[in-house]
Protein backbone atom coordinates (compact mmCIF):
# COMPACT_ATOMS: atom_id res chain seq x y z
CA MET A 1 -2.61 18.80 -3.24
CA ARG A 2 -3.87 15.99 -5.45
CA GLN A 3 -0.47 14.32 -5.29
CA ALA A 4 -0.50 14.38 -1.50
CA VAL A 5 -3.90 12.67 -1.41
CA TRP A 6 -2.68 9.88 -3.69
CA LEU A 7 0.51 9.61 -1.64
CA VAL A 8 -1.44 9.12 1.59
CA PHE A 9 -3.80 6.66 -0.12
CA GLY A 10 -0.85 4.66 -1.43
CA LEU A 11 0.87 4.59 1.95
CA LEU A 12 -2.34 3.39 3.63
CA LEU A 13 -2.73 0.60 1.08
CA LEU A 14 0.91 -0.34 1.51
CA ALA A 15 0.63 -0.48 5.30
CA LEU A 16 -2.61 -2.48 5.29
CA GLY A 17 -1.34 -4.90 2.66
CA ALA A 18 1.97 -5.50 4.43
CA GLN A 19 0.30 -5.91 7.83
CA GLY A 20 -2.26 -8.34 6.41
CA CYS A 21 0.41 -10.35 4.62
CA ILE A 22 2.53 -10.66 7.76
CA ARG A 23 -0.53 -11.55 9.85
CA LEU A 24 -1.51 -14.23 7.35
CA LEU A 25 2.00 -15.71 7.20
CA ILE A 26 2.48 -15.83 10.98
CA ASN A 27 -0.98 -16.32 12.43
CA HIS A 28 -2.96 -17.74 9.45
CA ASP A 29 -5.69 -15.15 10.12
CA PRO A 30 -7.16 -13.83 6.84
CA GLY A 31 -8.30 -10.57 8.46
CA ALA A 32 -10.04 -8.08 6.17
CA LEU A 33 -9.86 -10.32 3.09
CA ARG A 34 -11.75 -13.12 4.83
CA VAL A 35 -14.69 -12.61 2.44
CA LEU A 36 -12.61 -13.67 -0.58
CA PRO A 37 -13.24 -17.27 -1.59
CA GLY A 38 -10.27 -19.44 -2.41
CA GLY A 39 -8.32 -19.93 0.77
CA TYR A 40 -4.79 -19.18 1.86
CA VAL A 41 -3.17 -18.56 -1.54
CA VAL A 42 -5.90 -16.16 -2.68
CA HIS A 43 -5.73 -14.21 0.59
CA LEU A 44 -1.95 -13.97 0.36
CA GLY A 45 -2.15 -12.82 -3.25
CA GLY A 46 -4.76 -10.23 -2.34
CA TYR A 47 -2.61 -8.75 0.40
CA LEU A 48 0.46 -8.76 -1.84
CA ALA A 49 -1.51 -7.05 -4.61
CA MET A 50 -2.80 -4.46 -2.13
CA ALA A 51 0.74 -3.75 -0.92
CA LEU A 52 2.16 -3.49 -4.45
CA ILE A 53 -0.63 -1.20 -5.65
CA GLY A 54 -0.07 0.99 -2.60
CA LEU A 55 3.66 1.08 -3.29
CA ARG A 56 3.01 2.05 -6.90
CA CYS A 57 0.61 4.85 -5.91
CA ALA A 58 2.97 6.17 -3.27
CA ARG A 59 6.03 6.15 -5.55
CA HIS A 60 4.26 7.56 -8.58
CA ASN A 61 2.61 10.45 -6.74
CA ARG A 62 5.47 11.70 -4.59
CA VAL A 63 5.34 15.36 -3.83
CA GLN A 64 8.26 16.89 -5.71
CA PRO A 65 9.86 20.12 -4.47
CA ASP A 66 9.64 23.15 -6.71
CA PRO A 67 13.18 24.05 -7.88
CA LYS A 68 12.22 27.73 -8.24
CA ASN A 69 11.51 27.99 -4.51
CA ASP A 70 14.51 25.99 -3.34
CA PRO A 71 16.66 28.25 -1.12
CA TYR A 72 19.65 25.85 -1.26
CA ARG A 73 19.98 25.88 -5.02
């Protein structure tokens, strides 16, 4: 159960980070990271960091099937 929570958290971070990065690149709208000082490069780095952290959480905490209960094995 704990792995599923981290998986969902990672996927949410990945989606928000990717959406924010694309929005910033196309529309130059800082969105949720507007409160960060520093301008365009800092906002872009923040969204990239959010997406990469989300990817790391999602990949690290994948729910693995139990081989003992696998009917196809």
